[in-house]
Structure formats: C-alpha cells, structure tokens
Amino acid sequence: MSSCMITIGQLMARTGLNRSDIKNEIDLGKLAKPMPLGPWSTGWDKKDLEKWITDRESAGTLETIVL
C-alpha cells in the first residue's frame, strides 16, 4: 500500500505559506523534514501533513486548510 505524498509546491498552494516559512517550520522542528521522492523532488506523507495542519489550526496559527 503506498501513501499519498505532498510536494512543497502543493504544500505552499494549500497552506498559503511560502518556501521560507516552510523551511523555518522545519528548522524549528515543528514540521518534519521532507522525504526524497526522486533525484530532484522531495515531499511529505499526506497523513503527517494533515496532523501538522490540524495542530497549527488548533494553535490558531493557520487558517483551516483541506488537503
């Protein structure tokens, strides 16, 4: 069973965050580092991102987002 992966472009489109905001979240340990998907692509497991988004919504730091 394969899981759905979300690329940084998809994450930016769905959250409204820019690349540097996402990098800051990773550097602060709030968002996991992306996994390699190929030689030039990385991404996150959709379930992991859903949890991260829910946590941010609960904290009031992100508008409601649907993946």
C-alpha atoms as a PDB file:
ATOM      1  CA  MET A   1       0.000   0.000   0.000  1.00  0.00           C
ATOM      2  CA  SER A   2       1.511   3.338  -0.998  1.00  0.00           C
ATOM      3  CA  SER A   3       0.725   6.561   0.781  1.00  0.00           C
ATOM      4  CA  CYS A   4      -0.037   9.860  -0.858  1.00  0.00           C
ATOM      5  CA  MET A   5       2.873  12.294  -0.936  1.00  0.00           C
ATOM      6  CA  ILE A   6       2.622  16.087  -0.966  1.00  0.00           C
ATOM      7  CA  THR A   7       5.351  18.186  -2.609  1.00  0.00           C
ATOM      8  CA  ILE A   8       6.472  21.592  -1.382  1.00  0.00           C
ATOM      9  CA  GLY A   9       4.602  23.280  -4.228  1.00  0.00           C
ATOM     10  CA  GLN A  10       1.391  21.531  -3.220  1.00  0.00           C
ATOM     11  CA  LEU A  11       2.007  22.399   0.434  1.00  0.00           C
ATOM     12  CA  MET A  12       2.560  26.064  -0.437  1.00  0.00           C
ATOM     13  CA  ALA A  13      -0.623  26.138  -2.540  1.00  0.00           C
ATOM     14  CA  ARG A  14      -2.720  24.532   0.163  1.00  0.00           C
ATOM     15  CA  THR A  15      -1.430  26.498   3.155  1.00  0.00           C
ATOM     16  CA  GLY A  16      -0.553  29.880   1.679  1.00  0.00           C
ATOM     17  CA  LEU A  17       2.895  29.595   3.274  1.00  0.00           C
ATOM     18  CA  ASN A  18       5.967  30.425   1.217  1.00  0.00           C
ATOM     19  CA  ARG A  19       9.093  28.308   0.877  1.00  0.00           C
ATOM     20  CA  SER A  20      11.000  30.199   3.605  1.00  0.00           C
ATOM     21  CA  ASP A  21       8.066  29.872   6.061  1.00  0.00           C
ATOM     22  CA  ILE A  22       8.050  26.118   5.482  1.00  0.00           C
ATOM     23  CA  LYS A  23      11.838  25.958   5.900  1.00  0.00           C
ATOM     24  CA  ASN A  24      11.530  27.860   9.184  1.00  0.00           C
ATOM     25  CA  GLU A  25       8.929  25.363  10.415  1.00  0.00           C
ATOM     26  CA  ILE A  26      11.354  22.532   9.569  1.00  0.00           C
ATOM     27  CA  ASP A  27      14.307  24.310  11.237  1.00  0.00           C
ATOM     28  CA  LEU A  28      12.226  24.859  14.405  1.00  0.00           C
ATOM     29  CA  GLY A  29      11.293  21.171  14.458  1.00  0.00           C
ATOM     30  CA  LYS A  30       7.591  21.919  14.009  1.00  0.00           C
ATOM     31  CA  LEU A  31       7.446  20.208  10.610  1.00  0.00           C
ATOM     32  CA  ALA A  32       9.275  17.024   9.681  1.00  0.00           C
ATOM     33  CA  LYS A  33      11.937  17.161   7.002  1.00  0.00           C
ATOM     34  CA  PRO A  34      10.621  16.073   3.611  1.00  0.00           C
ATOM     35  CA  MET A  35      11.493  12.655   2.227  1.00  0.00           C
ATOM     36  CA  PRO A  36      13.246  12.217  -1.118  1.00  0.00           C
ATOM     37  CA  LEU A  37      10.857  11.262  -3.906  1.00  0.00           C
ATOM     38  CA  GLY A  38      13.412  11.262  -6.694  1.00  0.00           C
ATOM     39  CA  PRO A  39      16.670  12.927  -7.688  1.00  0.00           C
ATOM     40  CA  TRP A  40      15.159  16.446  -7.709  1.00  0.00           C
ATOM     41  CA  SER A  41      11.984  16.093  -5.668  1.00  0.00           C
ATOM     42  CA  THR A  42      11.026  15.797  -2.007  1.00  0.00           C
ATOM     43  CA  GLY A  43       7.709  15.538  -0.238  1.00  0.00           C
ATOM     44  CA  TRP A  44       5.777  14.714   2.904  1.00  0.00           C
ATOM     45  CA  ASP A  45       3.334  11.960   3.713  1.00  0.00           C
ATOM     46  CA  LYS A  46      -0.192  13.382   3.476  1.00  0.00           C
ATOM     47  CA  LYS A  47      -1.188  11.964   6.881  1.00  0.00           C
ATOM     48  CA  ASP A  48       1.808  13.652   8.571  1.00  0.00           C
ATOM     49  CA  LEU A  49       0.884  16.982   6.972  1.00  0.00           C
ATOM     50  CA  GLU A  50      -2.755  16.627   7.998  1.00  0.00           C
ATOM     51  CA  LYS A  51      -1.622  16.274  11.625  1.00  0.00           C
ATOM     52  CA  TRP A  52       0.750  19.244  11.333  1.00  0.00           C
ATOM     53  CA  ILE A  53      -2.013  21.388   9.815  1.00  0.00           C
ATOM     54  CA  THR A  54      -4.524  20.319  12.492  1.00  0.00           C
ATOM     55  CA  ASP A  55      -2.004  21.194  15.209  1.00  0.00           C
ATOM     56  CA  ARG A  56      -1.429  24.634  13.667  1.00  0.00           C
ATOM     57  CA  GLU A  57      -5.159  25.235  13.289  1.00  0.00           C
ATOM     58  CA  SER A  58      -5.686  24.296  16.952  1.00  0.00           C
ATOM     59  CA  ALA A  59      -2.962  26.749  17.948  1.00  0.00           C
ATOM     60  CA  GLY A  60      -4.579  29.427  15.796  1.00  0.00           C
ATOM     61  CA  THR A  61      -1.504  29.840  13.592  1.00  0.00           C
ATOM     62  CA  LEU A  62      -3.024  28.636  10.329  1.00  0.00           C
ATOM     63  CA  GLU A  63      -6.388  29.090   8.695  1.00  0.00           C
ATOM     64  CA  THR A  64      -8.466  25.981   8.074  1.00  0.00           C
ATOM     65  CA  ILE A  65      -6.868  24.054   5.204  1.00  0.00           C
ATOM     66  CA  VAL A  66      -8.118  20.963   3.385  1.00  0.00           C
ATOM     67  CA  LEU A  67      -5.564  18.629   1.827  1.00  0.00           C
END
